[in-house]
Amino acid sequence: MTLSQELTWRGFTNQTTYKDISVLDGDPITFYLGMDPSADSLTIGNLAVAMMIRHFIDHGHRAIMLVGGATGLIGDPDGKDDERLLKSHEEVTAYKTKIAAQYDRIFAGQSFEHVDNYDWFKDIGYLEFLRDVGKHVPMSQMLGRQFVQDRLGEMGSGLSYAEFSYALIQGYDFLHLYRTKGATLQLCGSDQWGNSIAGVELIRRIEGVEANIWSVPLVVNKATGKKFGKSEGGAVWLDPTKTTPTAFYQFWINCDDDGIEDYAKIYTMLPRDELEDIMTKHHQNPAERFAQRRVAEEVTRLIHGDEAVRIAQKVTDVLTGRLPVAEAGDVLAELRLEVPTAMTHETGSVISALVDSGLAQSNGQARRLLQGNAVSVNGVKLTDENFNPRLFQSGRLLLRRGKAYKDSALIELA
């Protein structure tokens, strides 16, 4: 497939200034993606745009990854009801370093360039910026932004000059990269369209050149309707200290059937014929979650590596009962990170174990769970209030409340 066909088939097309996207199938261009270090890790929402960039690079285009050490000091106000708290230069620098390392992992083996807009903004004077940039930006364009109208409206919280000027700063990035690197395309999330237009307009007004934007649809969790991003809560991070590799893997395993094909197209580099075979096998027996398992394997390998995939698969197999807990010896440390734990003895109290592990909030609730046949050990329903020594496998058992494996606890002999 050509790049334009690939992007369309995979669902990477939202909005673009290109009149004919087949121009991307011609001579190589230089493009960039800007990312503010507003947190110390990327999320899977950010990963979606990065996956599109992998396709651009594979088709011969030149990629620039801009991590905004300057824009990060202000913070993008678009979509925010209140003003962001300003981050210190030290905090932004630390975040920038971590995000750059994550891009190195995502684009391993591919050619791309890192840049930081602080490197050019630190030497630009205020009067110089007003004369060279502000002079070319009409107020009507800035005041027409929806977030500006919302924040300045009767029910709005107000807007600082720093936030109001954010689009000019980001727009200048595009102008600078056009002048110094020959960049003629900016990639962005659909929520960044307004900021990106500022750069296109600057290049047109100052250089007389037509630059372009390509925005990617925000990827949403079809079960909740919420986007995959840190601002929505419950974010899935790429940093293993924020979302463990096993939890990362299990996120994909737990994706609903109605979204998994879209996620497979966006988050893996698997070719079309292979993805179609995967979906055919998946539809033959959806309960086996064949597509989810393949996506989980591919994305976890990209972000965390082969060993993380092996561990995540084994922990998940233990939690779902596909593998006995006795065989979890080499992944016990990771298993303990995913479920609560409690200690007991061979004939210890099931009631106490439920409460100590957090599966029940009180002894009374624990008894009601037992009486309602809602407690199981290693897949076998429990009714007695004390453990049977035979239930322990290599000194441990998996206690579960209800049917969902996320409501499990590892109980070990003291």
Protein backbone atom coordinates (compact mmCIF):
# COMPACT_ATOMS: atom_id res chain seq x y z
CA MET A 1 0.00 0.00 0.00
CA THR A 2 1.02 3.60 -0.52
CA LEU A 3 1.33 5.81 2.57
CA SER A 4 -1.93 7.64 1.86
CA GLN A 5 -3.72 4.30 1.50
CA GLU A 6 -2.09 2.96 4.67
CA LEU A 7 -3.07 6.00 6.74
CA THR A 8 -6.65 5.90 5.47
CA TRP A 9 -7.08 2.16 6.05
CA ARG A 10 -5.65 2.32 9.55
CA GLY A 11 -7.91 5.21 10.56
CA PHE A 12 -5.22 7.86 11.00
CA THR A 13 -7.11 10.46 8.98
CA ASN A 14 -9.10 13.11 10.82
CA GLN A 15 -8.51 16.51 9.23
CA THR A 16 -5.84 17.87 6.91
CA THR A 17 -5.03 20.96 4.90
CA TYR A 18 -3.86 18.81 1.99
CA LYS A 19 -6.19 19.03 -0.99
CA ASP A 20 -4.88 15.67 -2.22
CA ILE A 21 -3.29 13.34 0.32
CA SER A 22 -1.61 11.30 -2.42
CA VAL A 23 1.12 13.97 -2.36
CA LEU A 24 2.48 11.94 0.57
CA ASP A 25 3.16 9.10 -1.87
CA GLY A 26 5.67 11.23 -3.78
CA ASP A 27 9.00 12.77 -2.85
CA PRO A 28 10.12 12.67 0.80
CA ILE A 29 9.11 15.60 3.00
CA THR A 30 10.25 16.76 6.42
CA PHE A 31 7.54 16.79 9.08
CA TYR A 32 7.36 17.25 12.82
CA LEU A 33 5.27 16.43 15.86
CA GLY A 34 5.30 18.71 18.89
CA MET A 35 4.78 17.40 22.40
CA ASP A 36 4.73 19.43 25.60
CA PRO A 37 6.31 17.68 28.62
CA SER A 38 3.26 18.22 30.84
CA ALA A 39 3.86 14.87 32.57
CA ASP A 40 6.83 12.57 33.06
CA SER A 41 5.52 9.94 30.65
CA LEU A 42 3.63 9.49 27.41
CA THR A 43 0.29 7.67 27.42
CA ILE A 44 -1.23 5.31 24.88
CA GLY A 45 -3.06 8.36 23.54
CA ASN A 46 0.31 9.85 22.58
CA LEU A 47 1.41 6.47 21.28
CA ALA A 48 -1.31 6.53 18.59
CA VAL A 49 0.28 9.56 16.90
CA ALA A 50 3.74 8.01 17.29
CA MET A 51 2.55 4.87 15.50
CA MET A 52 1.42 6.99 12.56
CA ILE A 53 4.87 8.56 12.48
CA ARG A 54 6.42 5.09 12.18
CA HIS A 55 4.48 4.67 8.92
CA PHE A 56 5.69 8.06 7.64
CA ILE A 57 9.29 7.08 8.38
CA ASP A 58 8.89 3.65 6.78
CA HIS A 59 7.76 5.41 3.58
CA GLY A 60 10.89 7.56 3.47
CA HIS A 61 9.77 10.81 5.10
CA ARG A 62 12.02 12.68 7.54
CA ALA A 63 10.72 12.95 11.12
CA ILE A 64 11.42 15.59 13.75
CA MET A 65 10.20 15.01 17.31
CA LEU A 66 9.85 18.30 19.18
CA VAL A 67 9.58 18.05 22.96
CA GLY A 68 8.63 21.54 24.11
CA GLY A 69 10.94 22.77 26.81
CA ALA A 70 9.64 26.30 26.11
CA THR A 71 5.93 25.66 25.51
CA GLY A 72 5.96 23.30 28.50
CA LEU A 73 6.81 26.27 30.71
CA ILE A 74 3.47 27.88 29.74
CA GLY A 75 1.16 24.92 29.13
CA ASP A 76 -1.47 24.53 26.44
CA PRO A 77 -4.72 26.18 27.62
CA ASP A 78 -6.91 24.65 24.93
CA GLY A 79 -9.57 22.40 26.43
CA LYS A 80 -8.84 23.55 29.99
CA ASP A 81 -11.51 25.25 32.10
CA ASP A 82 -8.96 26.82 34.42
CA GLU A 83 -5.42 28.09 34.11
CA ARG A 84 -2.69 25.48 34.35
CA LEU A 85 -0.27 25.61 37.25
CA LEU A 86 3.13 26.66 35.91
CA LYS A 87 5.85 24.02 36.10
CA SER A 88 9.41 24.88 37.06
CA HIS A 89 12.19 24.79 34.50
CA GLU A 90 13.76 21.86 36.39
CA GLU A 91 10.50 19.89 36.32
CA VAL A 92 9.96 20.51 32.60
CA THR A 93 13.56 19.49 31.86
CA ALA A 94 13.17 16.24 33.81
CA TYR A 95 9.90 15.43 32.04
CA LYS A 96 11.44 16.27 28.66
CA THR A 97 14.32 13.85 29.24
CA LYS A 98 11.98 10.98 30.11
CA ILE A 99 9.68 11.59 27.15
CA ALA A 100 12.62 11.79 24.73
CA ALA A 101 13.82 8.40 26.02
CA GLN A 102 10.37 6.92 25.37
CA TYR A 103 10.45 8.20 21.80
CA ASP A 104 13.86 6.57 21.40
CA ARG A 105 12.26 3.27 22.40
CA ILE A 106 9.23 3.68 20.10
CA PHE A 107 11.35 4.62 17.08
CA ALA A 108 14.24 2.21 17.75
CA GLY A 109 15.85 1.26 14.44
CA GLN A 110 14.25 4.19 12.61
CA SER A 111 15.76 7.53 11.66
CA PHE A 112 14.40 10.66 13.35
CA GLU A 113 15.66 13.84 15.01
CA HIS A 114 15.04 15.25 18.50
CA VAL A 115 14.61 19.01 18.96
CA ASP A 116 13.63 21.23 21.90
CA ASN A 117 11.97 24.60 21.27
CA TYR A 118 13.66 26.04 24.37
CA ASP A 119 16.88 25.99 22.34
CA TRP A 120 15.60 28.75 20.04
CA PHE A 121 13.20 30.58 22.34
CA LYS A 122 15.79 31.21 25.05
CA ASP A 123 17.58 33.71 22.79
CA ILE A 124 14.53 35.56 21.40
CA GLY A 125 13.76 38.93 22.99
CA TYR A 126 10.23 40.06 23.77
CA LEU A 127 10.30 43.06 21.40
CA GLU A 128 11.87 40.92 18.68
CA PHE A 129 9.09 38.34 19.03
CA LEU A 130 6.34 41.00 18.89
CA ARG A 131 7.85 42.59 15.77
CA ASP A 132 8.76 39.40 13.90
CA VAL A 133 5.82 37.20 14.92
CA GLY A 134 3.07 39.15 16.67
CA LYS A 135 2.91 41.66 13.81
CA HIS A 136 1.70 38.91 11.48
CA VAL A 137 -1.05 37.44 13.68
CA PRO A 138 -4.50 39.09 13.48
CA MET A 139 -6.35 39.47 16.78
CA SER A 140 -9.57 38.27 15.14
CA GLN A 141 -7.93 34.90 14.52
CA MET A 142 -6.83 34.55 18.13
CA LEU A 143 -10.09 35.81 19.64
CA GLY A 144 -12.07 33.46 17.41
CA ARG A 145 -10.67 30.37 19.13
CA GLN A 146 -13.46 28.52 20.95
CA PHE A 147 -11.49 28.06 24.16
CA VAL A 148 -10.75 31.81 24.25
CA GLN A 149 -14.43 32.64 23.93
CA ASP A 150 -15.31 30.08 26.61
CA ARG A 151 -12.71 31.34 29.08
CA LEU A 152 -13.53 35.02 28.48
CA GLY A 153 -17.29 34.44 28.47
CA GLU A 154 -19.69 35.14 31.31
CA MET A 155 -19.22 31.67 32.83
CA GLY A 156 -15.50 31.42 32.06
CA SER A 157 -12.63 31.53 34.55
CA GLY A 158 -10.65 34.15 32.64
CA LEU A 159 -7.50 33.86 30.56
CA SER A 160 -3.98 35.08 31.23
CA TYR A 161 -1.89 36.77 28.56
CA ALA A 162 0.59 33.88 28.78
CA GLU A 163 -2.09 31.33 27.89
CA PHE A 164 -3.57 33.62 25.24
CA SER A 165 -0.15 33.81 23.57
CA TYR A 166 0.47 30.05 23.62
CA ALA A 167 -0.68 29.54 20.01
CA LEU A 168 1.85 32.14 18.81
CA ILE A 169 4.67 30.30 20.55
CA GLN A 170 3.64 26.97 19.04
CA GLY A 171 3.07 28.60 15.67
CA TYR A 172 6.59 29.99 15.70
CA ASP A 173 7.91 26.45 16.19
CA PHE A 174 6.57 25.52 12.75
CA LEU A 175 8.06 28.67 11.20
CA HIS A 176 11.45 27.99 12.81
CA LEU A 177 11.49 24.35 11.70
CA TYR A 178 10.50 25.36 8.18
CA ARG A 179 13.39 27.83 8.05
CA THR A 180 16.02 25.60 9.66
CA LYS A 181 14.95 22.05 8.74
CA GLY A 182 12.68 22.47 5.73
CA ALA A 183 9.65 21.11 7.62
CA THR A 184 6.45 21.57 5.61
CA LEU A 185 4.05 19.34 7.57
CA GLN A 186 2.99 19.28 11.20
CA LEU A 187 1.32 16.18 12.63
CA CYS A 188 -0.94 16.66 15.63
CA GLY A 189 -3.85 15.29 17.59
CA SER A 190 -7.25 16.60 16.57
CA ASP A 191 -7.36 18.71 19.74
CA GLN A 192 -4.28 20.63 18.50
CA TRP A 193 -5.75 21.78 15.18
CA GLY A 194 -6.25 25.38 16.28
CA ASN A 195 -2.69 25.75 17.55
CA SER A 196 -1.31 24.14 14.41
CA ILE A 197 -3.19 26.52 12.12
CA ALA A 198 -1.24 29.37 13.73
CA GLY A 199 1.99 27.93 12.32
CA VAL A 200 0.56 27.43 8.84
CA GLU A 201 -0.67 31.03 8.80
CA LEU A 202 2.69 32.39 9.97
CA ILE A 203 4.56 30.53 7.24
CA ARG A 204 2.09 31.72 4.61
CA ARG A 205 2.18 35.37 5.74
CA ILE A 206 5.94 35.63 6.34
CA GLU A 207 7.47 33.17 3.85
CA GLY A 208 4.72 33.02 1.23
CA VAL A 209 4.81 29.21 1.36
CA GLU A 210 1.98 26.73 1.82
CA ALA A 211 2.67 24.44 4.77
CA ASN A 212 0.28 21.72 5.90
CA ILE A 213 -1.25 19.99 8.91
CA TRP A 214 -2.41 16.42 9.38
CA SER A 215 -4.42 15.71 12.51
CA VAL A 216 -5.06 12.28 13.96
CA PRO A 217 -8.43 11.35 15.47
CA LEU A 218 -8.40 11.09 19.25
CA VAL A 219 -8.49 7.39 20.05
CA VAL A 220 -11.37 6.63 22.39
CA ASN A 221 -12.20 3.68 24.59
CA LYS A 222 -15.38 2.49 22.89
CA ALA A 223 -16.65 1.01 26.14
CA THR A 224 -16.54 4.38 27.95
CA GLY A 225 -16.45 6.91 25.13
CA LYS A 226 -13.46 8.60 26.79
CA LYS A 227 -10.21 9.39 25.01
CA PHE A 228 -6.97 7.58 25.75
CA GLY A 229 -5.22 10.39 27.60
CA LYS A 230 -3.93 11.46 30.98
CA SER A 231 -6.58 14.15 31.49
CA GLU A 232 -9.40 11.60 31.48
CA GLY A 233 -8.21 9.74 34.56
CA GLY A 234 -7.15 6.10 34.64
CA ALA A 235 -4.46 6.80 32.05
CA VAL A 236 -2.41 3.95 30.63
CA TRP A 237 1.18 5.21 30.80
CA LEU A 238 4.24 4.01 28.89
CA ASP A 239 6.43 4.42 31.98
CA PRO A 240 6.60 1.01 33.73
CA THR A 241 6.68 2.67 37.16
CA LYS A 242 3.31 4.32 36.47
CA THR A 243 1.60 1.46 34.61
CA THR A 244 3.33 -1.88 35.12
CA PRO A 245 4.11 -3.85 31.95
CA THR A 246 1.65 -6.52 33.10
CA ALA A 247 -1.13 -3.97 33.68
CA PHE A 248 -0.25 -2.47 30.29
CA TYR A 249 -0.59 -5.90 28.67
CA GLN A 250 -3.85 -6.58 30.48
CA PHE A 251 -5.33 -3.28 29.31
CA TRP A 252 -5.21 -4.58 25.75
CA ILE A 253 -6.44 -8.03 26.78
CA ASN A 254 -9.51 -6.40 28.34
CA CYS A 255 -10.42 -4.25 25.33
CA ASP A 256 -13.95 -4.82 24.06
CA ASP A 257 -14.55 -6.73 20.84
CA ASP A 258 -16.10 -3.71 19.12
CA GLY A 259 -12.88 -1.72 19.43
CA ILE A 260 -10.11 -4.25 19.07
CA GLU A 261 -9.90 -4.18 15.26
CA ASP A 262 -9.44 -0.40 15.28
CA TYR A 263 -6.78 -0.68 17.99
CA ALA A 264 -4.98 -3.40 16.04
CA LYS A 265 -4.77 -1.12 13.00
CA ILE A 266 -3.57 1.88 15.00
CA TYR A 267 -1.25 0.33 17.57
CA THR A 268 0.50 -2.43 15.61
CA MET A 269 2.57 -2.44 12.45
CA LEU A 270 1.15 -5.76 11.32
CA PRO A 271 0.33 -5.78 7.59
CA ARG A 272 -3.24 -5.75 6.34
CA ASP A 273 -3.44 -9.41 5.28
CA GLU A 274 -2.14 -10.59 8.66
CA LEU A 275 -4.54 -8.34 10.58
CA GLU A 276 -7.45 -9.61 8.51
CA ASP A 277 -6.44 -13.22 9.32
CA ILE A 278 -6.25 -12.32 13.02
CA MET A 279 -9.74 -10.83 12.98
CA THR A 280 -11.13 -13.85 11.10
CA LYS A 281 -9.76 -16.19 13.79
CA HIS A 282 -11.03 -13.86 16.49
CA HIS A 283 -14.59 -13.82 15.15
CA GLN A 284 -14.63 -17.63 15.04
CA ASN A 285 -14.27 -17.76 18.83
CA PRO A 286 -14.40 -14.29 20.46
CA ALA A 287 -14.26 -15.78 23.97
CA GLU A 288 -10.63 -16.78 23.36
CA ARG A 289 -9.76 -13.09 22.80
CA PHE A 290 -7.31 -14.02 20.06
CA ALA A 291 -7.15 -10.49 18.64
CA GLN A 292 -6.76 -8.90 22.08
CA ARG A 293 -3.91 -11.26 22.92
CA ARG A 294 -2.08 -10.51 19.70
CA VAL A 295 -2.46 -6.74 20.10
CA ALA A 296 -1.36 -6.97 23.75
CA GLU A 297 1.71 -8.94 22.71
CA GLU A 298 2.69 -6.56 19.90
CA VAL A 299 2.24 -3.30 21.81
CA THR A 300 3.81 -4.57 25.04
CA ARG A 301 6.84 -5.82 23.10
CA LEU A 302 7.26 -2.44 21.42
CA ILE A 303 7.13 -0.48 24.69
CA HIS A 304 8.59 -2.91 27.24
CA GLY A 305 10.41 -5.70 25.36
CA ASP A 306 10.22 -9.48 24.95
CA GLU A 307 10.80 -10.41 28.59
CA ALA A 308 7.99 -8.12 29.71
CA VAL A 309 5.67 -9.89 27.28
CA ARG A 310 6.63 -13.30 28.68
CA ILE A 311 6.07 -12.19 32.27
CA ALA A 312 2.81 -10.41 31.50
CA GLN A 313 1.46 -13.44 29.64
CA LYS A 314 2.34 -15.77 32.50
CA VAL A 315 0.90 -13.50 35.22
CA THR A 316 -2.28 -13.08 33.19
CA ASP A 317 -2.56 -16.83 32.62
CA VAL A 318 -2.27 -17.40 36.38
CA LEU A 319 -4.89 -14.77 37.18
CA THR A 320 -7.33 -16.11 34.59
CA GLY A 321 -6.86 -19.73 35.65
CA ARG A 322 -5.16 -20.84 32.44
CA LEU A 323 -2.09 -21.69 34.54
CA PRO A 324 -2.02 -23.02 38.13
CA VAL A 325 -0.69 -20.65 40.76
CA ALA A 326 1.91 -23.28 41.68
CA GLU A 327 3.70 -22.45 38.41
CA ALA A 328 3.97 -18.73 39.19
CA GLY A 329 7.30 -19.01 41.02
CA ASP A 330 9.39 -17.02 38.53
CA VAL A 331 6.79 -14.22 38.24
CA LEU A 332 5.75 -13.93 41.89
CA ALA A 333 7.23 -10.44 42.23
CA GLU A 334 5.19 -9.23 39.26
CA LEU A 335 2.07 -11.07 40.43
CA ARG A 336 2.29 -9.30 43.79
CA LEU A 337 2.29 -5.96 41.95
CA GLU A 338 -0.97 -6.76 40.18
CA VAL A 339 -3.14 -8.12 43.00
CA PRO A 340 -3.31 -7.53 46.75
CA THR A 341 -1.65 -10.08 49.02
CA ALA A 342 -2.24 -11.46 52.49
CA MET A 343 -0.62 -14.04 54.75
CA THR A 344 -2.33 -16.95 56.50
CA HIS A 345 -1.66 -20.50 57.72
CA GLU A 346 -2.87 -23.82 56.32
CA THR A 347 -6.17 -23.81 58.20
CA GLY A 348 -6.41 -20.03 58.49
CA SER A 349 -9.57 -17.97 58.32
CA VAL A 350 -10.99 -17.30 54.87
CA ILE A 351 -12.89 -14.39 56.41
CA SER A 352 -9.65 -12.79 57.63
CA ALA A 353 -7.95 -13.38 54.28
CA LEU A 354 -10.80 -11.66 52.42
CA VAL A 355 -10.63 -8.65 54.73
CA ASP A 356 -6.82 -8.49 54.97
CA SER A 357 -6.49 -8.57 51.19
CA GLY A 358 -9.18 -5.94 50.65
CA LEU A 359 -11.57 -8.25 48.81
CA ALA A 360 -14.08 -7.57 51.59
CA GLN A 361 -14.49 -4.44 53.67
CA SER A 362 -15.64 -6.22 56.83
CA ASN A 363 -16.06 -9.65 58.39
CA GLY A 364 -19.79 -9.38 57.78
CA GLN A 365 -19.35 -8.70 54.08
CA ALA A 366 -16.85 -11.56 53.84
CA ARG A 367 -19.35 -13.98 55.37
CA ARG A 368 -22.07 -12.82 52.99
CA LEU A 369 -19.75 -13.39 50.04
CA LEU A 370 -19.03 -16.92 51.26
CA GLN A 371 -22.70 -17.67 51.86
CA GLY A 372 -23.55 -16.36 48.40
CA ASN A 373 -21.03 -18.68 46.69
CA ALA A 374 -19.09 -15.61 45.52
CA VAL A 375 -15.68 -16.77 46.75
CA SER A 376 -13.40 -19.23 44.99
CA VAL A 377 -9.89 -20.58 45.35
CA ASN A 378 -7.94 -21.64 42.28
CA GLY A 379 -11.26 -21.76 40.41
CA VAL A 380 -13.10 -23.87 43.03
CA LYS A 381 -16.03 -22.36 45.00
CA LEU A 382 -15.44 -21.97 48.74
CA THR A 383 -18.08 -22.34 51.44
CA ASP A 384 -16.03 -23.14 54.56
CA GLU A 385 -14.77 -20.30 56.74
CA ASN A 386 -11.34 -21.94 57.06
CA PHE A 387 -8.86 -22.97 54.40
CA ASN A 388 -8.19 -26.62 53.63
CA PRO A 389 -4.43 -27.29 53.52
CA ARG A 390 -4.90 -29.12 50.21
CA LEU A 391 -5.87 -25.83 48.53
CA PHE A 392 -2.35 -24.45 48.79
CA GLN A 393 -0.06 -24.95 45.81
CA SER A 394 3.62 -24.41 46.60
CA GLY A 395 2.54 -22.45 49.66
CA ARG A 396 0.09 -20.12 47.95
CA LEU A 397 -3.38 -19.87 46.49
CA LEU A 398 -5.40 -17.41 44.47
CA LEU A 399 -8.49 -16.15 46.27
CA ARG A 400 -11.19 -14.57 44.13
CA ARG A 401 -14.33 -12.56 44.77
CA GLY A 402 -16.86 -13.01 41.98
CA LYS A 403 -15.87 -13.84 38.41
CA ALA A 404 -13.53 -11.02 37.37
CA TYR A 405 -9.86 -11.91 37.69
CA LYS A 406 -9.08 -8.33 38.73
CA ASP A 407 -10.91 -9.11 42.00
CA SER A 408 -8.29 -11.65 43.07
CA ALA A 409 -5.74 -11.78 45.87
CA LEU A 410 -2.60 -13.84 46.37
CA ILE A 411 -2.75 -15.62 49.73
CA GLU A 412 0.56 -17.05 50.95
CA LEU A 413 1.51 -19.19 53.91
CA ALA A 414 3.26 -17.30 56.68
